[in-house]
Amino acid sequence: MTQSIEVGQAAPEFSASNQRGETVTLSSLRGRKVVLYFYPKDDTPGCTTEGQEFAALYPQFQEADTEILGVSRDSVASHEKFANKFHFPFSLLSDPDEKLCRAYDVIKEKKNYGKTYLGIERSTFVIDRDGKIAHIQRKVKAAGHAAQILSLCQKLA
């Protein structure tokens, strides 16, 4: 079920496994800011760039009391390999059934080499301490994105 997501509304609750097989829920992070970024596929150029930039800025995100969560449809095993390869200090959430992707309305029609398919639109949601959507960015360009989001998180109460 796809729904529209808007700034100011309560962020959809979720429960998903990270690369260590641990269950992560949005409610368990209440009181902290959360960057929830959706990306198409582990270990691809754009997704690697985006993850590496978030990882490089992770200490500053922590100083801003912000947790980072990456989400794709890849398996826990794939996430484990990807996170270990690039030393990501944050959780990558596995969403093979697209429940989380659909809750945040990031499954979109895409075209590649003349073929149309449904895939993840690279998108980022910043969730405030009260669990409300503070910022939405869709059709994200990977390079430089983490720095933009960090700046926003540093200004957010």
N, C-alpha and C. Protein backbone atom coordinates (compact mmCIF):
# COMPACT_ATOMS: atom_id res chain seq x y z
N MET A 1 0.84 -1.18 0.00
CA MET A 1 0.00 0.00 0.00
C MET A 1 0.89 1.24 0.00
N THR A 2 0.77 2.04 -1.00
CA THR A 2 1.55 3.26 -1.12
C THR A 2 0.76 4.42 -0.53
N GLN A 3 1.44 5.28 0.20
CA GLN A 3 0.78 6.45 0.73
C GLN A 3 1.65 7.66 0.45
N SER A 4 1.03 8.82 0.49
CA SER A 4 1.76 10.04 0.28
C SER A 4 2.40 10.47 1.59
N ILE A 5 3.62 10.92 1.53
CA ILE A 5 4.36 11.35 2.71
C ILE A 5 4.57 12.86 2.60
N GLU A 6 4.30 13.58 3.69
CA GLU A 6 4.46 15.03 3.68
C GLU A 6 5.19 15.50 4.92
N VAL A 7 5.90 16.61 4.77
CA VAL A 7 6.59 17.23 5.90
C VAL A 7 5.55 17.59 6.96
N GLY A 8 5.89 17.31 8.22
CA GLY A 8 5.01 17.63 9.33
C GLY A 8 4.18 16.47 9.83
N GLN A 9 4.00 15.46 8.99
CA GLN A 9 3.20 14.31 9.43
C GLN A 9 4.08 13.33 10.20
N ALA A 10 3.42 12.45 10.97
CA ALA A 10 4.15 11.42 11.68
C ALA A 10 4.81 10.49 10.67
N ALA A 11 6.08 10.17 10.91
CA ALA A 11 6.79 9.24 10.03
C ALA A 11 6.21 7.84 10.23
N PRO A 12 5.99 7.10 9.14
CA PRO A 12 5.48 5.74 9.28
C PRO A 12 6.43 4.88 10.12
N GLU A 13 5.87 4.19 11.10
CA GLU A 13 6.65 3.29 11.96
C GLU A 13 7.15 2.12 11.10
N PHE A 14 8.28 1.57 11.48
CA PHE A 14 8.81 0.41 10.77
C PHE A 14 9.60 -0.47 11.71
N SER A 15 9.79 -1.69 11.28
CA SER A 15 10.63 -2.67 11.95
C SER A 15 11.32 -3.45 10.85
N ALA A 16 12.65 -3.42 10.84
CA ALA A 16 13.40 -4.09 9.77
C ALA A 16 14.73 -4.59 10.32
N SER A 17 15.28 -5.60 9.67
CA SER A 17 16.57 -6.17 10.07
C SER A 17 17.71 -5.42 9.42
N ASN A 18 18.76 -5.18 10.22
CA ASN A 18 19.95 -4.53 9.67
C ASN A 18 20.97 -5.59 9.24
N GLN A 19 22.16 -5.14 8.84
CA GLN A 19 23.18 -6.05 8.31
C GLN A 19 23.72 -7.03 9.36
N ARG A 20 23.45 -6.77 10.62
CA ARG A 20 23.88 -7.69 11.69
C ARG A 20 22.74 -8.61 12.13
N GLY A 21 21.59 -8.51 11.45
CA GLY A 21 20.44 -9.34 11.80
C GLY A 21 19.66 -8.79 12.98
N GLU A 22 19.99 -7.59 13.43
CA GLU A 22 19.29 -6.95 14.54
C GLU A 22 18.03 -6.25 14.01
N THR A 23 16.99 -6.23 14.82
CA THR A 23 15.77 -5.54 14.44
C THR A 23 15.88 -4.07 14.85
N VAL A 24 15.61 -3.18 13.90
CA VAL A 24 15.63 -1.74 14.14
C VAL A 24 14.21 -1.23 13.94
N THR A 25 13.74 -0.43 14.91
CA THR A 25 12.41 0.19 14.79
C THR A 25 12.57 1.70 14.89
N LEU A 26 11.66 2.41 14.25
CA LEU A 26 11.69 3.87 14.34
C LEU A 26 11.40 4.30 15.78
N SER A 27 10.44 3.66 16.42
CA SER A 27 10.06 4.06 17.78
C SER A 27 11.23 3.93 18.77
N SER A 28 12.16 2.99 18.51
CA SER A 28 13.30 2.83 19.42
C SER A 28 14.27 4.01 19.31
N LEU A 29 14.14 4.82 18.28
CA LEU A 29 15.02 5.97 18.07
C LEU A 29 14.37 7.29 18.45
N ARG A 30 13.17 7.23 19.01
CA ARG A 30 12.46 8.45 19.42
C ARG A 30 13.35 9.24 20.37
N GLY A 31 13.37 10.55 20.21
CA GLY A 31 14.23 11.40 21.03
C GLY A 31 15.52 11.78 20.32
N ARG A 32 15.81 11.08 19.20
CA ARG A 32 16.95 11.42 18.36
C ARG A 32 16.43 11.78 16.97
N LYS A 33 17.24 12.49 16.21
CA LYS A 33 16.89 12.74 14.81
C LYS A 33 17.33 11.52 14.00
N VAL A 34 16.62 11.25 12.92
CA VAL A 34 16.92 10.08 12.09
C VAL A 34 16.98 10.51 10.63
N VAL A 35 18.04 10.09 9.96
CA VAL A 35 18.14 10.23 8.50
C VAL A 35 17.85 8.86 7.93
N LEU A 36 16.74 8.76 7.20
CA LEU A 36 16.34 7.51 6.57
C LEU A 36 16.55 7.69 5.07
N TYR A 37 17.60 7.04 4.55
CA TYR A 37 17.87 7.22 3.12
C TYR A 37 17.65 5.91 2.38
N PHE A 38 16.93 6.01 1.28
CA PHE A 38 16.60 4.86 0.44
C PHE A 38 17.50 4.89 -0.78
N TYR A 39 18.07 3.74 -1.12
CA TYR A 39 18.97 3.65 -2.27
C TYR A 39 18.65 2.38 -3.05
N PRO A 40 18.93 2.38 -4.35
CA PRO A 40 18.51 1.25 -5.19
C PRO A 40 19.19 -0.09 -4.93
N LYS A 41 20.52 -0.13 -4.80
CA LYS A 41 21.18 -1.44 -4.77
C LYS A 41 22.56 -1.36 -4.13
N ASP A 42 22.85 -2.36 -3.29
CA ASP A 42 24.17 -2.46 -2.65
C ASP A 42 25.29 -2.54 -3.68
N ASP A 43 26.41 -1.91 -3.34
CA ASP A 43 27.66 -2.04 -4.08
C ASP A 43 27.58 -1.62 -5.54
N THR A 44 26.75 -0.62 -5.82
CA THR A 44 26.71 0.00 -7.15
C THR A 44 27.34 1.39 -7.00
N PRO A 45 27.80 2.00 -8.09
CA PRO A 45 28.57 3.24 -7.96
C PRO A 45 27.89 4.36 -7.16
N GLY A 46 26.67 4.73 -7.53
CA GLY A 46 25.99 5.83 -6.83
C GLY A 46 25.69 5.50 -5.39
N CYS A 47 25.27 4.27 -5.14
CA CYS A 47 24.93 3.85 -3.78
C CYS A 47 26.17 3.77 -2.90
N THR A 48 27.28 3.38 -3.49
CA THR A 48 28.54 3.34 -2.76
C THR A 48 28.99 4.76 -2.40
N THR A 49 28.93 5.66 -3.36
CA THR A 49 29.30 7.07 -3.11
C THR A 49 28.46 7.65 -1.98
N GLU A 50 27.15 7.44 -2.07
CA GLU A 50 26.25 7.99 -1.05
C GLU A 50 26.59 7.41 0.33
N GLY A 51 26.75 6.10 0.41
CA GLY A 51 27.08 5.45 1.67
C GLY A 51 28.42 5.92 2.24
N GLN A 52 29.41 6.04 1.37
CA GLN A 52 30.74 6.48 1.83
C GLN A 52 30.69 7.91 2.36
N GLU A 53 29.91 8.77 1.71
CA GLU A 53 29.80 10.15 2.18
C GLU A 53 29.10 10.22 3.53
N PHE A 54 28.04 9.43 3.72
CA PHE A 54 27.38 9.38 5.02
C PHE A 54 28.35 8.83 6.07
N ALA A 55 29.12 7.82 5.71
CA ALA A 55 30.08 7.23 6.66
C ALA A 55 31.16 8.24 7.05
N ALA A 56 31.67 9.00 6.08
CA ALA A 56 32.72 9.98 6.35
C ALA A 56 32.23 11.07 7.31
N LEU A 57 30.95 11.40 7.22
CA LEU A 57 30.38 12.46 8.06
C LEU A 57 29.68 11.91 9.31
N TYR A 58 29.75 10.60 9.50
CA TYR A 58 29.02 9.97 10.61
C TYR A 58 29.35 10.61 11.98
N PRO A 59 30.63 10.91 12.28
CA PRO A 59 30.91 11.55 13.58
C PRO A 59 30.17 12.88 13.76
N GLN A 60 30.07 13.67 12.70
CA GLN A 60 29.34 14.94 12.78
C GLN A 60 27.83 14.70 12.94
N PHE A 61 27.30 13.67 12.28
CA PHE A 61 25.89 13.33 12.46
C PHE A 61 25.65 12.93 13.92
N GLN A 62 26.57 12.16 14.49
CA GLN A 62 26.43 11.75 15.89
C GLN A 62 26.48 12.96 16.82
N GLU A 63 27.36 13.93 16.53
CA GLU A 63 27.43 15.16 17.32
C GLU A 63 26.12 15.93 17.24
N ALA A 64 25.42 15.81 16.11
CA ALA A 64 24.13 16.48 15.91
C ALA A 64 22.98 15.60 16.42
N ASP A 65 23.31 14.55 17.19
CA ASP A 65 22.32 13.63 17.77
C ASP A 65 21.40 13.05 16.70
N THR A 66 22.03 12.60 15.62
CA THR A 66 21.29 12.07 14.47
C THR A 66 21.79 10.68 14.11
N GLU A 67 20.84 9.76 13.94
CA GLU A 67 21.17 8.40 13.51
C GLU A 67 20.91 8.29 12.01
N ILE A 68 21.74 7.54 11.32
CA ILE A 68 21.59 7.31 9.88
C ILE A 68 21.15 5.87 9.66
N LEU A 69 20.16 5.70 8.79
CA LEU A 69 19.69 4.37 8.39
C LEU A 69 19.57 4.35 6.88
N GLY A 70 20.27 3.42 6.23
CA GLY A 70 20.14 3.22 4.79
C GLY A 70 19.16 2.08 4.54
N VAL A 71 18.37 2.17 3.49
CA VAL A 71 17.37 1.15 3.19
C VAL A 71 17.41 0.78 1.71
N SER A 72 17.43 -0.53 1.43
CA SER A 72 17.22 -1.01 0.07
C SER A 72 16.52 -2.37 0.15
N ARG A 73 16.19 -2.92 -1.01
CA ARG A 73 15.51 -4.21 -1.06
C ARG A 73 16.48 -5.38 -0.94
N ASP A 74 17.78 -5.09 -0.84
CA ASP A 74 18.78 -6.16 -0.76
C ASP A 74 18.64 -6.95 0.54
N SER A 75 19.18 -8.16 0.54
CA SER A 75 19.09 -9.06 1.69
C SER A 75 20.01 -8.61 2.83
N VAL A 76 19.77 -9.15 4.02
CA VAL A 76 20.64 -8.90 5.17
C VAL A 76 22.08 -9.31 4.82
N ALA A 77 22.26 -10.45 4.16
CA ALA A 77 23.60 -10.92 3.79
C ALA A 77 24.29 -9.95 2.82
N SER A 78 23.54 -9.44 1.86
CA SER A 78 24.09 -8.47 0.92
C SER A 78 24.50 -7.19 1.65
N HIS A 79 23.64 -6.73 2.55
CA HIS A 79 23.94 -5.53 3.35
C HIS A 79 25.19 -5.75 4.21
N GLU A 80 25.33 -6.94 4.78
CA GLU A 80 26.48 -7.24 5.63
C GLU A 80 27.77 -7.13 4.80
N LYS A 81 27.77 -7.70 3.62
CA LYS A 81 28.94 -7.66 2.74
C LYS A 81 29.26 -6.21 2.34
N PHE A 82 28.23 -5.45 1.95
CA PHE A 82 28.38 -4.06 1.52
C PHE A 82 28.90 -3.19 2.67
N ALA A 83 28.28 -3.31 3.84
CA ALA A 83 28.68 -2.51 5.00
C ALA A 83 30.11 -2.84 5.44
N ASN A 84 30.45 -4.11 5.43
CA ASN A 84 31.81 -4.51 5.84
C ASN A 84 32.86 -4.05 4.83
N LYS A 85 32.53 -4.15 3.55
CA LYS A 85 33.47 -3.76 2.49
C LYS A 85 33.87 -2.28 2.62
N PHE A 86 32.88 -1.44 2.95
CA PHE A 86 33.13 0.01 3.00
C PHE A 86 33.14 0.57 4.43
N HIS A 87 33.09 -0.31 5.43
CA HIS A 87 33.18 0.09 6.84
C HIS A 87 32.11 1.10 7.24
N PHE A 88 30.87 0.84 6.83
CA PHE A 88 29.77 1.73 7.20
C PHE A 88 29.47 1.57 8.69
N PRO A 89 29.46 2.67 9.45
CA PRO A 89 29.23 2.60 10.89
C PRO A 89 27.74 2.65 11.28
N PHE A 90 26.87 2.72 10.29
CA PHE A 90 25.43 2.83 10.54
C PHE A 90 24.71 1.60 9.99
N SER A 91 23.45 1.48 10.33
CA SER A 91 22.65 0.33 9.90
C SER A 91 22.15 0.47 8.47
N LEU A 92 22.21 -0.64 7.75
CA LEU A 92 21.56 -0.78 6.45
C LEU A 92 20.38 -1.72 6.68
N LEU A 93 19.19 -1.25 6.39
CA LEU A 93 17.98 -2.05 6.64
C LEU A 93 17.56 -2.79 5.39
N SER A 94 17.24 -4.06 5.58
CA SER A 94 16.81 -4.92 4.48
C SER A 94 15.28 -4.85 4.35
N ASP A 95 14.81 -4.57 3.14
CA ASP A 95 13.37 -4.44 2.88
C ASP A 95 12.98 -5.25 1.64
N PRO A 96 13.18 -6.59 1.68
CA PRO A 96 12.93 -7.40 0.49
C PRO A 96 11.47 -7.44 0.05
N ASP A 97 10.55 -7.23 0.98
CA ASP A 97 9.12 -7.26 0.61
C ASP A 97 8.58 -5.86 0.30
N GLU A 98 9.46 -4.85 0.34
CA GLU A 98 9.14 -3.46 -0.01
C GLU A 98 8.14 -2.79 0.93
N LYS A 99 7.90 -3.35 2.10
CA LYS A 99 6.94 -2.72 3.03
C LYS A 99 7.40 -1.32 3.44
N LEU A 100 8.67 -1.21 3.80
CA LEU A 100 9.21 0.08 4.21
C LEU A 100 9.27 1.05 3.02
N CYS A 101 9.72 0.55 1.88
CA CYS A 101 9.78 1.38 0.67
C CYS A 101 8.41 1.92 0.28
N ARG A 102 7.40 1.08 0.38
CA ARG A 102 6.05 1.50 0.02
C ARG A 102 5.46 2.45 1.06
N ALA A 103 5.78 2.23 2.34
CA ALA A 103 5.29 3.13 3.39
C ALA A 103 5.81 4.55 3.18
N TYR A 104 7.02 4.65 2.63
CA TYR A 104 7.62 5.97 2.38
C TYR A 104 7.50 6.39 0.91
N ASP A 105 6.75 5.64 0.14
CA ASP A 105 6.43 5.99 -1.25
C ASP A 105 7.68 6.24 -2.11
N VAL A 106 8.63 5.28 -2.07
CA VAL A 106 9.84 5.44 -2.88
C VAL A 106 9.93 4.43 -4.02
N ILE A 107 8.93 3.55 -4.17
CA ILE A 107 8.91 2.64 -5.31
C ILE A 107 8.27 3.39 -6.48
N LYS A 108 9.06 3.61 -7.51
CA LYS A 108 8.60 4.40 -8.66
C LYS A 108 8.91 3.67 -9.96
N GLU A 109 8.16 4.04 -11.00
CA GLU A 109 8.44 3.49 -12.32
C GLU A 109 9.72 4.11 -12.85
N LYS A 110 10.62 3.25 -13.32
CA LYS A 110 11.91 3.71 -13.85
C LYS A 110 12.11 3.11 -15.23
N LYS A 111 13.00 3.74 -15.98
CA LYS A 111 13.33 3.22 -17.31
C LYS A 111 14.83 3.08 -17.41
N ASN A 112 15.25 1.96 -18.02
CA ASN A 112 16.67 1.72 -18.23
C ASN A 112 16.81 0.91 -19.52
N TYR A 113 17.57 1.44 -20.44
CA TYR A 113 17.78 0.77 -21.74
C TYR A 113 16.46 0.39 -22.39
N GLY A 114 15.49 1.29 -22.31
CA GLY A 114 14.20 1.08 -22.98
C GLY A 114 13.23 0.19 -22.23
N LYS A 115 13.64 -0.38 -21.12
CA LYS A 115 12.76 -1.23 -20.32
C LYS A 115 12.21 -0.43 -19.14
N THR A 116 10.93 -0.66 -18.86
CA THR A 116 10.28 -0.02 -17.72
C THR A 116 10.17 -1.03 -16.59
N TYR A 117 10.47 -0.59 -15.39
CA TYR A 117 10.40 -1.46 -14.22
C TYR A 117 10.13 -0.62 -12.98
N LEU A 118 9.78 -1.28 -11.88
CA LEU A 118 9.59 -0.59 -10.61
C LEU A 118 10.86 -0.70 -9.79
N GLY A 119 11.35 0.43 -9.31
CA GLY A 119 12.58 0.44 -8.52
C GLY A 119 12.53 1.52 -7.46
N ILE A 120 13.56 1.57 -6.66
CA ILE A 120 13.64 2.56 -5.60
C ILE A 120 14.14 3.88 -6.17
N GLU A 121 13.37 4.93 -5.91
CA GLU A 121 13.81 6.28 -6.25
C GLU A 121 14.68 6.75 -5.08
N ARG A 122 15.94 7.08 -5.36
CA ARG A 122 16.86 7.52 -4.32
C ARG A 122 16.22 8.71 -3.59
N SER A 123 15.92 8.52 -2.31
CA SER A 123 15.18 9.51 -1.53
C SER A 123 15.70 9.52 -0.10
N THR A 124 15.59 10.69 0.55
CA THR A 124 16.01 10.82 1.94
C THR A 124 14.92 11.53 2.74
N PHE A 125 14.69 11.01 3.94
CA PHE A 125 13.72 11.58 4.86
C PHE A 125 14.45 11.90 6.16
N VAL A 126 14.29 13.12 6.64
CA VAL A 126 14.82 13.48 7.95
C VAL A 126 13.64 13.49 8.91
N ILE A 127 13.79 12.74 9.99
CA ILE A 127 12.72 12.58 10.97
C ILE A 127 13.18 13.26 12.26
N ASP A 128 12.33 14.11 12.82
CA ASP A 128 12.72 14.85 14.02
C ASP A 128 12.62 13.99 15.27
N ARG A 129 12.97 14.56 16.40
CA ARG A 129 13.01 13.83 17.67
C ARG A 129 11.64 13.30 18.10
N ASP A 130 10.59 13.93 17.60
CA ASP A 130 9.22 13.52 17.95
C ASP A 130 8.64 12.51 16.97
N GLY A 131 9.45 12.09 15.98
CA GLY A 131 8.98 11.10 15.02
C GLY A 131 8.18 11.70 13.86
N LYS A 132 8.35 12.99 13.63
CA LYS A 132 7.64 13.64 12.52
C LYS A 132 8.62 13.90 11.37
N ILE A 133 8.09 13.88 10.15
CA ILE A 133 8.91 14.16 8.96
C ILE A 133 9.29 15.64 8.96
N ALA A 134 10.60 15.92 8.99
CA ALA A 134 11.08 17.30 9.00
C ALA A 134 11.55 17.75 7.61
N HIS A 135 11.95 16.78 6.77
CA HIS A 135 12.49 17.12 5.44
C HIS A 135 12.37 15.90 4.53
N ILE A 136 12.05 16.16 3.28
CA ILE A 136 11.98 15.10 2.26
C ILE A 136 12.79 15.56 1.06
N GLN A 137 13.63 14.68 0.56
CA GLN A 137 14.35 14.97 -0.67
C GLN A 137 14.25 13.75 -1.58
N ARG A 138 13.71 13.95 -2.75
CA ARG A 138 13.53 12.87 -3.72
C ARG A 138 14.45 13.10 -4.92
N LYS A 139 14.63 12.06 -5.72
CA LYS A 139 15.49 12.12 -6.91
C LYS A 139 16.88 12.67 -6.54
N VAL A 140 17.40 12.12 -5.46
CA VAL A 140 18.67 12.55 -4.90
C VAL A 140 19.83 12.22 -5.84
N LYS A 141 20.74 13.15 -5.96
CA LYS A 141 22.03 12.91 -6.62
C LYS A 141 23.00 12.54 -5.51
N ALA A 142 23.66 11.40 -5.61
CA ALA A 142 24.45 10.85 -4.51
C ALA A 142 25.59 11.77 -4.05
N ALA A 143 26.38 12.27 -4.98
CA ALA A 143 27.55 13.06 -4.62
C ALA A 143 27.15 14.36 -3.93
N GLY A 144 27.68 14.59 -2.75
CA GLY A 144 27.41 15.82 -2.01
C GLY A 144 26.14 15.80 -1.17
N HIS A 145 25.35 14.76 -1.32
CA HIS A 145 24.06 14.70 -0.64
C HIS A 145 24.20 14.63 0.88
N ALA A 146 25.11 13.81 1.38
CA ALA A 146 25.27 13.64 2.83
C ALA A 146 25.60 14.97 3.50
N ALA A 147 26.44 15.78 2.88
CA ALA A 147 26.81 17.08 3.46
C ALA A 147 25.60 18.01 3.54
N GLN A 148 24.74 17.98 2.53
CA GLN A 148 23.52 18.79 2.56
C GLN A 148 22.63 18.37 3.72
N ILE A 149 22.47 17.06 3.89
CA ILE A 149 21.61 16.54 4.93
C ILE A 149 22.21 16.83 6.32
N LEU A 150 23.52 16.73 6.45
CA LEU A 150 24.17 17.06 7.72
C LEU A 150 23.89 18.50 8.11
N SER A 151 24.04 19.41 7.18
CA SER A 151 23.79 20.83 7.43
C SER A 151 22.37 21.03 7.94
N LEU A 152 21.43 20.37 7.31
CA LEU A 152 20.03 20.47 7.73
C LEU A 152 19.85 19.91 9.15
N CYS A 153 20.45 18.78 9.44
CA CYS A 153 20.32 18.14 10.76
C CYS A 153 20.95 19.00 11.86
N GLN A 154 22.02 19.68 11.53
CA GLN A 154 22.68 20.54 12.52
C GLN A 154 21.80 21.73 12.89
N LYS A 155 20.95 22.18 11.97
CA LYS A 155 20.06 23.32 12.22
C LYS A 155 18.76 22.89 12.89
N LEU A 156 18.42 21.62 12.78
CA LEU A 156 17.16 21.11 13.32
C LEU A 156 17.30 20.93 14.84
N ALA A 157 16.34 21.48 15.56
CA ALA A 157 16.39 21.39 17.04
C ALA A 157 16.40 19.95 17.52
